[in-house]
């Protein structure tokens, strides 16, 4: 029986119940997003136009925080250190993570054990791991300098020398490649074996298989890890705060450290909020540039490739 005209387009009781149930199931995430992400972001945006020190009422000062930001010498320094860290650590993490994933994708004994061991550092408490790495980089009794001494090399003061402190944090960042490795491993196992068989029939060797089959089909996974690596590396905080405190001589003074010290050491919450929004737009800009420059270089099988 045909519905009457006035009922056309009106959802049925079952559809309304499903809609209500869907919103109810999604409500915990929506509430959490509003309270802990969207709400604080809006609040920080408002506070960036005020003079606020946590103890007195915020006073509206317009664009003064952003004008002062343009004259703050620590802003370009912190951005340079943060960008330099990202430019070196992210490619290293991509290469090391992919290399480990390729090795663990082979048929070897105790494969599950090795996969667990490589992924385990990603789930360990970061603070405990950072204290462990502080001991590894110790100039006097550190493990790294001990290994170098075996080869007759005098190890430097990794965390106390401005020339080596940033490199120490970059080396330490490889400790957490297990998360990216697991994503690579899932991508490798999702590549159809027919591609390798066709390449083998054409006479391709292992290296040619990797270059012409594995890398193109794995490019979406590589691109995802690249984006996530850029975002996380530009927000590095724990490593520098615990291991170096931003030193020596501000050699590891990352932008997030500048925000933290401004907010909780100088109690200049308004200016810290302005700094946070500068970092937000900086990350968004770099991410947009990567998206634009990667167009046509990422292969999506379901869309015929791009």
Protein backbone atom coordinates (compact mmCIF):
# COMPACT_ATOMS: atom_id res chain seq x y z
CA UNK A 1 0.00 0.00 0.00
CA UNK A 2 1.28 3.41 -0.95
CA UNK A 3 1.97 5.93 1.81
CA UNK A 4 -0.09 9.07 1.96
CA UNK A 5 1.52 12.24 0.75
CA UNK A 6 1.80 13.76 4.19
CA UNK A 7 3.81 10.71 5.35
CA UNK A 8 6.32 10.87 2.52
CA UNK A 9 9.81 11.64 3.74
CA UNK A 10 8.88 11.10 7.38
CA UNK A 11 11.15 8.48 9.05
CA UNK A 12 9.49 5.37 10.40
CA UNK A 13 9.43 4.65 14.16
CA UNK A 14 12.12 1.99 13.62
CA UNK A 15 14.37 4.49 11.82
CA UNK A 16 13.88 7.04 14.61
CA UNK A 17 14.80 4.44 17.23
CA UNK A 18 17.93 3.49 15.29
CA UNK A 19 18.90 7.17 15.01
CA UNK A 20 18.41 7.72 18.74
CA UNK A 21 20.37 4.55 19.53
CA UNK A 22 23.19 5.69 17.25
CA UNK A 23 23.44 9.06 18.99
CA UNK A 24 23.37 7.37 22.39
CA UNK A 25 26.22 5.05 21.45
CA UNK A 26 28.22 7.97 20.05
CA UNK A 27 27.45 10.27 23.00
CA UNK A 28 30.42 9.20 25.20
CA UNK A 29 32.85 10.17 22.45
CA UNK A 30 30.94 13.35 21.63
CA UNK A 31 30.88 14.40 25.28
CA UNK A 32 34.56 13.60 25.69
CA UNK A 33 35.46 15.48 22.52
CA UNK A 34 33.47 18.52 23.62
CA UNK A 35 34.82 18.60 27.17
CA UNK A 36 38.45 17.65 26.58
CA UNK A 37 39.26 18.76 23.00
CA UNK A 38 36.85 21.25 21.43
CA UNK A 39 36.11 23.06 24.69
CA UNK A 40 39.76 23.61 25.71
CA UNK A 41 40.63 24.67 22.15
CA UNK A 42 37.92 27.33 22.12
CA UNK A 43 38.93 28.44 25.63
CA UNK A 44 42.61 28.74 24.63
CA UNK A 45 41.65 30.74 21.54
CA UNK A 46 39.73 33.20 23.71
CA UNK A 47 42.55 33.35 26.28
CA UNK A 48 45.10 34.13 23.53
CA UNK A 49 43.54 37.59 23.30
CA UNK A 50 43.84 38.23 27.03
CA UNK A 51 46.37 38.88 29.76
CA UNK A 52 45.80 35.95 32.12
CA UNK A 53 48.05 34.62 34.91
CA UNK A 54 45.77 32.01 36.57
CA UNK A 55 45.35 34.20 39.68
CA UNK A 56 43.55 37.26 38.34
CA UNK A 57 40.68 37.79 35.97
CA UNK A 58 41.60 37.68 32.28
CA UNK A 59 41.98 41.15 30.79
CA UNK A 60 41.25 41.58 27.10
CA UNK A 61 44.30 42.99 25.26
CA UNK A 62 43.42 42.25 21.65
CA UNK A 63 46.31 41.19 19.41
CA UNK A 64 49.07 42.14 21.86
CA UNK A 65 50.12 38.55 22.52
CA UNK A 66 50.52 37.91 18.80
CA UNK A 67 52.45 41.17 18.34
CA UNK A 68 54.80 40.22 21.14
CA UNK A 69 55.13 36.76 19.62
CA UNK A 70 56.59 38.30 16.46
CA UNK A 71 59.34 39.90 18.59
CA UNK A 72 60.07 36.94 20.87
CA UNK A 73 63.53 35.57 19.88
CA UNK A 74 62.72 32.18 21.42
CA UNK A 75 59.88 31.57 18.95
CA UNK A 76 62.02 31.21 15.78
CA UNK A 77 64.67 29.35 17.79
CA UNK A 78 62.16 26.83 19.15
CA UNK A 79 60.56 26.42 15.71
CA UNK A 80 63.98 25.81 14.15
CA UNK A 81 64.95 23.19 16.73
CA UNK A 82 61.56 21.47 16.45
CA UNK A 83 61.65 21.46 12.64
CA UNK A 84 65.22 20.21 12.57
CA UNK A 85 64.28 17.37 14.88
CA UNK A 86 61.29 16.45 12.70
CA UNK A 87 63.25 16.60 9.43
CA UNK A 88 65.79 14.08 10.73
CA UNK A 89 63.80 11.84 13.07
CA UNK A 90 60.74 11.25 10.87
CA UNK A 91 62.62 9.86 7.81
CA UNK A 92 64.76 7.72 10.13
CA UNK A 93 61.68 6.31 11.82
CA UNK A 94 60.06 5.59 8.46
CA UNK A 95 63.11 3.75 7.12
CA UNK A 96 63.87 1.81 10.31
CA UNK A 97 60.21 0.89 10.89
CA UNK A 98 59.79 -0.32 7.30
CA UNK A 99 63.07 -2.28 7.41
CA UNK A 100 62.04 -4.09 10.58
CA UNK A 101 58.58 -4.81 9.15
CA UNK A 102 60.09 -6.32 5.99
CA UNK A 103 62.36 -8.54 8.10
CA UNK A 104 59.50 -9.64 10.34
CA UNK A 105 57.35 -10.41 7.30
CA UNK A 106 59.67 -13.29 6.42
CA UNK A 107 59.18 -16.90 7.46
CA UNK A 108 61.60 -17.23 10.35
CA UNK A 109 61.58 -19.04 13.67
CA UNK A 110 60.12 -17.37 16.77
CA UNK A 111 58.46 -14.77 14.56
CA UNK A 112 55.80 -13.94 17.15
CA UNK A 113 58.47 -13.38 19.81
CA UNK A 114 60.42 -10.93 17.65
CA UNK A 115 57.27 -9.03 16.67
CA UNK A 116 56.34 -8.67 20.34
CA UNK A 117 59.83 -7.54 21.32
CA UNK A 118 59.96 -4.84 18.66
CA UNK A 119 56.49 -3.57 19.50
CA UNK A 120 56.92 -3.73 23.29
CA UNK A 121 58.77 -0.37 23.64
CA UNK A 122 55.74 1.38 22.12
CA UNK A 123 53.53 0.37 25.03
CA UNK A 124 56.02 0.87 27.87
CA UNK A 125 55.55 3.94 30.13
CA UNK A 126 57.34 6.79 28.37
CA UNK A 127 58.70 8.39 31.56
CA UNK A 128 60.35 5.15 32.70
CA UNK A 129 61.81 4.62 29.24
CA UNK A 130 63.20 8.17 29.18
CA UNK A 131 64.94 7.70 32.53
CA UNK A 132 66.41 4.49 31.12
CA UNK A 133 67.72 6.36 28.07
CA UNK A 134 69.21 9.01 30.35
CA UNK A 135 71.35 6.24 31.83
CA UNK A 136 72.21 4.92 28.36
CA UNK A 137 73.51 8.37 27.33
CA UNK A 138 75.40 8.96 30.57
CA UNK A 139 78.91 10.20 29.81
CA UNK A 140 80.67 8.21 32.55
CA UNK A 141 78.92 4.85 32.80
CA UNK A 142 76.41 4.94 29.94
CA UNK A 143 75.92 1.87 27.79
CA UNK A 144 76.37 3.76 24.52
CA UNK A 145 79.75 5.22 25.45
CA UNK A 146 80.83 1.82 26.79
CA UNK A 147 80.07 0.22 23.41
CA UNK A 148 81.97 3.01 21.65
CA UNK A 149 84.96 2.51 23.95
CA UNK A 150 85.19 -1.12 22.82
CA UNK A 151 86.04 0.21 19.36
CA UNK A 152 88.48 2.76 20.76
CA UNK A 153 86.09 5.70 20.39
CA UNK A 154 85.76 8.24 23.19
CA UNK A 155 82.06 8.83 23.63
CA UNK A 156 80.86 12.44 23.94
CA UNK A 157 78.75 14.00 26.65
CA UNK A 158 75.54 13.22 24.80
CA UNK A 159 73.09 15.17 26.93
CA UNK A 160 75.48 17.85 28.13
CA UNK A 161 77.04 18.98 24.86
CA UNK A 162 74.98 21.29 22.58
CA UNK A 163 76.49 19.59 19.53
CA UNK A 164 75.17 16.14 20.52
CA UNK A 165 72.08 16.70 22.68
CA UNK A 166 69.61 16.94 19.80
CA UNK A 167 71.19 13.92 18.12
CA UNK A 168 70.77 11.95 21.33
CA UNK A 169 67.03 12.67 21.31
CA UNK A 170 66.84 11.71 17.63
CA UNK A 171 68.56 8.39 18.34
CA UNK A 172 66.24 7.84 21.29
CA UNK A 173 63.17 8.44 19.08
CA UNK A 174 63.95 5.21 17.20
CA UNK A 175 63.03 3.38 20.40
CA UNK A 176 59.35 3.78 19.52
CA UNK A 177 59.30 2.63 15.89
CA UNK A 178 57.35 -0.48 16.90
CA UNK A 179 54.01 1.25 16.40
CA UNK A 180 54.81 2.24 12.82
CA UNK A 181 56.38 -1.19 12.25
CA UNK A 182 53.11 -2.89 13.17
CA UNK A 183 51.20 -0.73 10.66
CA UNK A 184 53.79 -1.50 7.97
CA UNK A 185 53.49 -5.19 8.78
CA UNK A 186 49.72 -5.08 8.33
CA UNK A 187 50.19 -3.31 5.00
CA UNK A 188 52.76 -5.84 3.81
CA UNK A 189 50.51 -8.74 4.64
CA UNK A 190 47.68 -7.07 2.75
CA UNK A 191 49.59 -7.03 -0.56
CA UNK A 192 48.23 -9.78 -2.85
CA UNK A 193 50.80 -12.46 -3.69
CA UNK A 194 49.66 -12.38 -7.33
CA UNK A 195 51.66 -9.20 -7.88
CA UNK A 196 54.88 -10.87 -6.73
CA UNK A 197 54.17 -13.94 -8.82
CA UNK A 198 53.62 -11.83 -11.92
CA UNK A 199 56.83 -9.89 -11.27
CA UNK A 200 58.74 -13.14 -10.74
CA UNK A 201 57.48 -14.46 -14.07
CA UNK A 202 58.78 -11.26 -15.69
CA UNK A 203 62.21 -12.01 -14.21
CA UNK A 204 62.23 -9.51 -11.32
CA UNK A 205 64.62 -10.16 -8.46
CA UNK A 206 64.04 -9.39 -4.77
CA UNK A 207 65.17 -5.76 -5.01
CA UNK A 208 63.07 -5.13 -8.11
CA UNK A 209 60.09 -6.75 -6.37
CA UNK A 210 60.52 -4.39 -3.44
CA UNK A 211 60.88 -1.27 -5.61
CA UNK A 212 58.22 -1.99 -8.21
CA UNK A 213 55.64 -3.91 -6.17
CA UNK A 214 56.06 -3.47 -2.42
CA UNK A 215 56.75 0.27 -2.24
CA UNK A 216 53.94 1.38 -4.61
CA UNK A 217 51.34 -0.83 -2.93
CA UNK A 218 52.60 0.19 0.50
CA UNK A 219 52.62 3.91 -0.33
CA UNK A 220 49.30 4.67 1.48
CA UNK A 221 50.72 3.13 4.67
CA UNK A 222 53.99 5.04 4.25
CA UNK A 223 52.04 8.24 3.69
CA UNK A 224 49.94 7.64 6.81
CA UNK A 225 53.03 7.01 8.95
CA UNK A 226 54.66 10.11 7.46
CA UNK A 227 51.75 12.35 8.42
CA UNK A 228 51.48 10.88 11.92
CA UNK A 229 55.25 11.13 12.35
CA UNK A 230 55.28 14.82 11.39
CA UNK A 231 52.43 15.63 13.77
CA UNK A 232 53.96 13.77 16.72
CA UNK A 233 57.54 14.96 16.16
CA UNK A 234 56.46 18.60 16.08
CA UNK A 235 54.81 18.07 19.47
CA UNK A 236 57.73 16.39 21.23
CA UNK A 237 57.86 17.33 24.89
CA UNK A 238 58.50 14.49 27.35
CA UNK A 239 61.93 13.57 26.02
CA UNK A 240 63.33 17.09 26.15
CA UNK A 241 61.66 18.01 29.45
CA UNK A 242 62.84 14.91 31.33
CA UNK A 243 66.24 14.31 29.72
CA UNK A 244 67.58 17.81 29.06
CA UNK A 245 65.07 20.39 30.26
CA UNK A 246 65.57 22.18 26.93
CA UNK A 247 69.33 22.47 27.35
CA UNK A 248 72.19 22.56 27.14
CA UNK A 249 72.22 26.19 25.96
CA UNK A 250 68.67 25.62 24.62
CA UNK A 251 69.98 23.08 22.09
CA UNK A 252 66.84 20.99 22.67
CA UNK A 253 64.45 23.83 23.37
CA UNK A 254 61.40 22.56 21.49
CA UNK A 255 58.37 24.72 20.81
CA UNK A 256 56.18 22.77 23.21
CA UNK A 257 58.74 23.40 25.95
CA UNK A 258 58.48 27.12 25.24
CA UNK A 259 54.71 26.89 25.65
CA UNK A 260 55.06 24.93 28.89
CA UNK A 261 57.61 27.26 30.49
CA UNK A 262 55.60 30.31 29.44
CA UNK A 263 52.40 28.90 30.94
CA UNK A 264 53.57 27.17 34.11
CA UNK A 265 56.81 28.93 34.93
CA UNK A 266 56.01 32.50 33.92
CA UNK A 267 52.24 32.02 34.47
CA UNK A 268 51.55 33.91 31.26
CA UNK A 269 48.59 31.82 30.12
CA UNK A 270 47.37 34.28 27.51
CA UNK A 271 50.69 34.36 25.68
CA UNK A 272 51.07 30.58 26.03
CA UNK A 273 47.66 30.15 24.39
CA UNK A 274 48.79 32.32 21.48
CA UNK A 275 51.92 30.18 21.15
CA UNK A 276 49.80 27.03 21.14
CA UNK A 277 47.72 28.35 18.24
CA UNK A 278 50.86 29.26 16.31
CA UNK A 279 52.06 25.67 16.71
CA UNK A 280 48.62 24.40 15.63
CA UNK A 281 48.69 26.39 12.40
CA UNK A 282 52.34 25.50 11.79
CA UNK A 283 51.55 21.79 12.01
CA UNK A 284 48.45 22.25 9.83
CA UNK A 285 50.48 24.14 7.22
CA UNK A 286 53.23 21.50 7.05
CA UNK A 287 50.63 18.73 6.87
CA UNK A 288 48.83 20.53 4.04
CA UNK A 289 52.11 20.96 2.16
CA UNK A 290 52.84 17.22 2.48
CA UNK A 291 49.34 16.39 1.21
CA UNK A 292 49.73 18.71 -1.78
CA UNK A 293 53.23 17.54 -2.71
CA UNK A 294 52.28 13.87 -2.32
CA UNK A 295 49.39 14.06 -4.79
CA UNK A 296 49.95 11.50 -7.53
CA UNK A 297 52.62 9.64 -5.55
CA UNK A 298 50.33 7.52 -3.40
CA UNK A 299 48.79 4.46 -5.05
CA UNK A 300 45.24 3.45 -4.14
CA UNK A 301 44.30 0.17 -5.74
CA UNK A 302 40.54 0.60 -5.33
CA UNK A 303 40.62 3.87 -7.32
CA UNK A 304 42.90 2.61 -10.04
CA UNK A 305 45.98 4.39 -8.66
CA UNK A 306 46.83 8.07 -8.62
